[in-house]
N, C-alpha and C. Protein backbone atom coordinates (compact mmCIF):
# COMPACT_ATOMS: atom_id res chain seq x y z
N MET A 1 1.13 -1.37 -0.21
CA MET A 1 0.03 -0.01 0.29
C MET A 1 0.76 1.15 -0.07
N ASN A 2 0.60 2.13 -0.49
CA ASN A 2 1.10 3.37 -0.63
C ASN A 2 1.05 4.33 0.70
N GLN A 3 1.79 4.31 1.28
CA GLN A 3 1.29 4.86 2.73
C GLN A 3 1.12 6.66 2.49
N ALA A 4 1.73 7.18 1.81
CA ALA A 4 1.74 8.61 1.57
C ALA A 4 0.53 8.76 1.39
N ALA A 5 -0.25 7.96 0.27
CA ALA A 5 -1.69 8.11 -0.58
C ALA A 5 -2.48 7.97 0.89
N TRP A 6 -2.35 6.76 1.35
CA TRP A 6 -3.12 6.47 2.54
C TRP A 6 -3.60 7.48 3.20
N ARG A 7 -2.08 7.79 4.02
CA ARG A 7 -2.48 9.63 4.78
C ARG A 7 -2.96 10.58 4.49
N SER A 8 -2.77 10.84 2.96
CA SER A 8 -3.22 11.86 2.51
C SER A 8 -4.72 12.01 2.26
N PHE A 9 -5.47 10.49 2.21
CA PHE A 9 -6.84 9.93 2.15
C PHE A 9 -7.37 10.37 3.63
N ILE A 10 -6.90 9.75 4.62
CA ILE A 10 -7.10 9.94 5.89
C ILE A 10 -7.66 11.62 6.39
N LYS A 11 -6.38 12.45 5.78
CA LYS A 11 -6.06 13.73 5.94
C LYS A 11 -7.44 14.29 5.19
N LEU A 12 -7.80 13.72 3.94
CA LEU A 12 -8.94 14.66 3.56
C LEU A 12 -10.18 14.26 4.31
N CYS A 13 -10.19 13.08 4.96
CA CYS A 13 -11.38 12.54 5.53
C CYS A 13 -11.64 13.71 6.77
N LEU A 14 -10.46 13.72 7.07
CA LEU A 14 -10.48 14.35 8.64
C LEU A 14 -10.72 16.31 8.19
N ALA A 15 -10.75 16.01 7.20
CA ALA A 15 -10.71 17.97 6.57
C ALA A 15 -12.48 18.03 6.24
N THR A 16 -13.15 17.12 6.34
CA THR A 16 -14.52 17.13 5.87
C THR A 16 -15.15 17.77 6.83
N LYS A 17 -16.02 18.34 6.81
CA LYS A 17 -17.43 19.70 7.69
C LYS A 17 -18.31 18.97 8.54
N ASN A 18 -18.81 18.11 7.75
CA ASN A 18 -19.58 17.38 8.42
C ASN A 18 -20.34 15.99 7.73
N ASP A 19 -21.42 15.25 8.20
CA ASP A 19 -21.21 14.09 7.59
C ASP A 19 -21.85 13.84 6.29
N LYS A 20 -22.27 14.65 5.81
CA LYS A 20 -22.67 15.24 4.44
C LYS A 20 -21.85 14.81 3.61
N MET A 21 -20.92 16.20 3.78
CA MET A 21 -19.66 15.79 3.02
C MET A 21 -18.70 14.60 3.18
N LEU A 22 -18.44 13.92 4.20
CA LEU A 22 -17.53 12.91 4.28
C LEU A 22 -18.53 11.70 3.16
N SER A 23 -19.68 11.45 3.21
CA SER A 23 -20.34 10.60 2.55
C SER A 23 -20.86 10.76 1.16
N SER A 24 -20.83 12.01 0.87
CA SER A 24 -20.48 12.75 -0.44
C SER A 24 -18.78 12.55 -1.36
N LEU A 25 -17.89 12.59 -0.39
CA LEU A 25 -16.39 12.11 -0.39
C LEU A 25 -16.42 10.69 -0.90
N PHE A 26 -17.00 9.99 -0.12
CA PHE A 26 -17.05 8.55 0.08
C PHE A 26 -18.04 7.84 -1.18
N ASP A 27 -18.57 8.59 -1.52
CA ASP A 27 -19.78 8.18 -2.79
C ASP A 27 -18.62 8.59 -4.32
N LEU A 28 -17.90 9.54 -4.21
CA LEU A 28 -16.90 9.82 -5.11
C LEU A 28 -15.87 8.65 -5.30
N LEU A 29 -15.15 8.41 -4.20
CA LEU A 29 -14.06 7.55 -3.95
C LEU A 29 -14.32 5.95 -3.77
N LEU A 30 -15.44 5.74 -3.51
CA LEU A 30 -15.72 4.53 -3.12
C LEU A 30 -16.91 3.44 -4.06
N THR A 31 -16.94 2.51 -4.61
CA THR A 31 -18.18 1.82 -5.49
C THR A 31 -19.18 1.36 -4.42
N PRO A 32 -20.31 1.33 -4.39
CA PRO A 32 -21.39 0.99 -3.89
C PRO A 32 -21.15 -0.50 -3.30
N GLU A 33 -20.29 -1.27 -3.70
CA GLU A 33 -20.29 -2.51 -3.11
C GLU A 33 -19.08 -2.32 -1.94
N GLU A 34 -17.88 -1.32 -2.53
CA GLU A 34 -16.76 -0.92 -1.21
C GLU A 34 -17.52 -0.41 0.25
N ARG A 35 -18.80 0.37 -0.17
CA ARG A 35 -19.67 1.00 1.00
C ARG A 35 -20.36 0.12 1.46
N GLU A 36 -21.02 -0.99 0.62
CA GLU A 36 -21.89 -1.95 1.87
C GLU A 36 -20.63 -2.88 2.20
N SER A 37 -19.48 -3.29 1.66
CA SER A 37 -18.63 -4.07 2.59
C SER A 37 -17.89 -3.47 3.54
N ILE A 38 -17.90 -2.23 3.95
CA ILE A 38 -17.13 -1.36 4.98
C ILE A 38 -18.65 -1.26 6.02
N ALA A 39 -19.61 -0.80 5.78
CA ALA A 39 -20.98 -1.04 6.28
C ALA A 39 -21.02 -2.27 6.93
N MET A 40 -21.16 -3.52 6.17
CA MET A 40 -20.70 -4.84 7.06
C MET A 40 -19.59 -4.71 7.88
N ARG A 41 -18.56 -4.35 7.99
CA ARG A 41 -17.62 -4.37 8.83
C ARG A 41 -17.85 -4.12 9.83
N CYS A 42 -18.08 -3.08 10.05
CA CYS A 42 -18.92 -2.05 11.07
C CYS A 42 -19.85 -3.15 11.32
N LEU A 43 -20.89 -3.61 11.33
CA LEU A 43 -21.76 -4.32 12.01
C LEU A 43 -20.90 -5.41 12.50
N ILE A 44 -20.27 -6.12 12.21
CA ILE A 44 -19.43 -6.96 12.48
C ILE A 44 -18.56 -6.77 13.66
N ILE A 45 -17.85 -5.70 13.78
CA ILE A 45 -17.17 -5.40 14.52
C ILE A 45 -18.04 -4.65 15.98
N VAL A 46 -19.00 -4.47 15.80
CA VAL A 46 -20.44 -4.36 16.63
C VAL A 46 -20.96 -5.39 17.45
N ASP A 47 -21.45 -6.35 16.63
CA ASP A 47 -21.65 -7.76 17.07
C ASP A 47 -20.18 -8.13 18.15
N LEU A 48 -19.15 -8.28 17.50
CA LEU A 48 -18.10 -8.57 18.72
C LEU A 48 -17.87 -8.01 19.40
N LEU A 49 -18.00 -6.38 19.71
CA LEU A 49 -17.79 -5.78 20.96
C LEU A 49 -18.62 -6.49 21.75
N LYS A 50 -19.90 -6.49 21.40
CA LYS A 50 -21.33 -6.82 22.50
C LYS A 50 -20.57 -8.28 23.21
N GLN A 51 -20.14 -9.03 22.29
CA GLN A 51 -19.74 -10.18 23.18
C GLN A 51 -21.46 -11.14 23.43
N GLU A 52 -22.28 -10.94 23.01
CA GLU A 52 -23.48 -11.37 22.98
C GLU A 52 -23.71 -12.78 22.39
N LYS A 53 -22.90 -12.79 21.08
CA LYS A 53 -23.49 -14.08 20.09
C LYS A 53 -22.14 -14.79 19.79
N THR A 54 -22.28 -16.06 19.34
CA THR A 54 -20.91 -16.89 19.43
C THR A 54 -20.82 -16.06 17.91
N GLN A 55 -19.48 -16.26 17.05
CA GLN A 55 -19.17 -15.66 15.78
C GLN A 55 -19.88 -16.55 14.95
N ARG A 56 -20.37 -18.21 14.95
CA ARG A 56 -21.11 -18.60 14.59
C ARG A 56 -22.48 -17.96 13.81
N ASP A 57 -23.29 -17.45 15.27
CA ASP A 57 -24.44 -16.96 15.49
C ASP A 57 -24.12 -15.21 14.51
N MET A 58 -23.03 -15.06 14.57
CA MET A 58 -23.08 -13.52 13.94
C MET A 58 -22.92 -13.60 12.57
N ALA A 59 -22.62 -14.62 12.09
CA ALA A 59 -22.05 -14.92 10.70
C ALA A 59 -23.09 -15.61 10.04
N ASP A 60 -24.43 -16.30 10.89
CA ASP A 60 -25.76 -16.13 9.96
C ASP A 60 -26.72 -15.12 10.78
N ASN A 61 -26.48 -14.64 11.07
CA ASN A 61 -27.16 -13.16 11.53
C ASN A 61 -26.95 -12.40 10.50
N LEU A 62 -25.99 -12.08 10.15
CA LEU A 62 -25.14 -10.95 9.24
C LEU A 62 -25.19 -11.54 7.68
N HIS A 63 -25.38 -12.68 7.85
CA HIS A 63 -25.30 -13.11 6.45
C HIS A 63 -23.58 -13.27 5.74
N VAL A 64 -22.90 -13.72 6.61
CA VAL A 64 -21.40 -13.44 5.98
C VAL A 64 -20.75 -14.97 6.44
N SER A 65 -19.68 -14.97 6.00
CA SER A 65 -18.87 -16.35 6.61
C SER A 65 -18.18 -16.24 7.33
N ILE A 66 -18.15 -16.92 8.43
CA ILE A 66 -17.33 -17.23 9.43
C ILE A 66 -15.67 -16.68 9.44
N ALA A 67 -14.99 -17.23 8.19
CA ALA A 67 -14.09 -16.16 8.01
C ALA A 67 -13.63 -14.66 8.60
N LYS A 68 -15.31 -14.44 8.00
CA LYS A 68 -15.02 -12.86 7.86
C LYS A 68 -15.28 -12.09 9.61
N ILE A 69 -15.91 -13.00 9.78
CA ILE A 69 -16.14 -12.81 11.42
C ILE A 69 -14.41 -13.01 12.87
N THR A 70 -14.36 -13.71 12.05
CA THR A 70 -12.62 -14.20 12.42
C THR A 70 -11.79 -13.57 12.35
N ARG A 71 -12.02 -12.99 11.00
CA ARG A 71 -10.85 -11.87 10.67
C ARG A 71 -11.25 -10.69 11.30
N GLY A 72 -12.14 -10.22 11.57
CA GLY A 72 -12.63 -8.84 12.57
C GLY A 72 -12.28 -9.18 14.10
N SER A 73 -12.77 -10.46 14.51
CA SER A 73 -12.15 -10.59 15.84
C SER A 73 -10.42 -10.71 15.96
N ASN A 74 -10.03 -11.06 15.10
CA ASN A 74 -8.52 -11.03 14.96
C ASN A 74 -8.06 -9.68 14.97
N GLU A 75 -8.40 -8.70 14.34
CA GLU A 75 -8.29 -7.14 14.10
C GLU A 75 -8.31 -6.53 15.20
N LEU A 76 -9.66 -7.14 16.08
CA LEU A 76 -9.99 -6.21 17.34
C LEU A 76 -8.86 -6.74 18.60
N LYS A 77 -8.09 -7.80 18.53
CA LYS A 77 -7.04 -8.63 19.32
C LYS A 77 -5.92 -7.38 18.91
N ARG A 78 -5.86 -7.15 17.97
CA ARG A 78 -4.36 -6.36 17.90
C ARG A 78 -4.73 -4.89 18.38
N MET A 79 -5.90 -4.11 18.45
CA MET A 79 -6.17 -2.92 18.64
C MET A 79 -5.92 -2.41 20.10
N SER A 80 -5.59 -1.53 20.42
CA SER A 80 -5.54 -0.86 21.48
C SER A 80 -6.63 -1.12 22.37
N PRO A 81 -6.77 -0.78 23.78
CA PRO A 81 -7.78 -0.62 24.53
C PRO A 81 -8.08 0.68 24.40
N LYS A 82 -7.56 1.73 23.61
CA LYS A 82 -8.12 3.14 24.05
C LYS A 82 -9.31 3.26 22.89
N LEU A 83 -8.51 2.61 21.54
CA LEU A 83 -9.40 2.47 20.23
C LEU A 83 -10.38 1.31 20.57
N ILE A 84 -10.55 0.55 21.10
CA ILE A 84 -11.60 -0.55 21.51
C ILE A 84 -12.63 0.49 22.54
N GLU A 85 -12.18 1.33 23.30
CA GLU A 85 -13.00 1.86 24.05
C GLU A 85 -13.57 2.94 23.01
N PHE A 86 -13.00 3.70 22.43
CA PHE A 86 -13.43 4.73 21.22
C PHE A 86 -14.59 3.93 20.42
N LEU A 87 -14.16 3.07 19.91
CA LEU A 87 -15.46 2.13 18.83
C LEU A 87 -16.48 1.46 19.50
N LYS A 88 -16.10 1.15 20.68
CA LYS A 88 -17.52 1.01 22.19
C LYS A 88 -18.58 2.05 22.12
N GLU A 89 -17.91 3.06 22.34
CA GLU A 89 -18.71 4.93 23.00
C GLU A 89 -19.03 4.96 21.44
N ASN A 90 -18.55 4.90 20.16
CA ASN A 90 -19.10 5.67 19.10
C ASN A 90 -19.81 4.51 18.00
N LEU A 91 -19.86 3.22 18.02
CA LEU A 91 -20.57 2.41 17.38
C LEU A 91 -21.62 2.45 18.44
N LYS A 92 -21.88 2.22 19.19
CA LYS A 92 -23.16 2.19 20.35
C LYS A 92 -24.13 2.59 19.93
N THR A 93 -24.31 4.23 19.49
CA THR A 93 -24.86 5.13 19.31
C THR A 93 -25.25 5.51 17.78
N THR A 94 -24.86 4.53 16.94
CA THR A 94 -24.65 4.34 15.39
C THR A 94 -26.47 4.20 15.06
N PRO A 95 -26.99 5.20 14.48
CA PRO A 95 -28.64 4.31 14.34
C PRO A 95 -28.64 2.83 13.32
N GLY A 96 -29.17 1.82 13.62
CA GLY A 96 -29.37 0.80 13.05
C GLY A 96 -28.07 -0.28 13.51
N MET A 97 -27.39 0.14 14.40
CA MET A 97 -26.37 -1.03 15.06
C MET A 97 -26.70 -0.84 16.07
């Protein structure tokens, strides 16, 4: 991955003034399939953070492979406690999650 381009993308996202502008930016840069994939990844993370279901139940409920749930779980294990807390606070209030 081109790290300089990735950092530039992150800075661009941070420079957006509101969620409408950020959504428009993502409409420009991401295909509908990529946006759906990101949305699904967020739903997987929410379920994993809740720790209320087995990974198999999560996969069945979200209609994704168990491998996607496991990948999300493995990524969460590598995240800092500070990021985990941030995710718990910010994903729990997202409508539809």
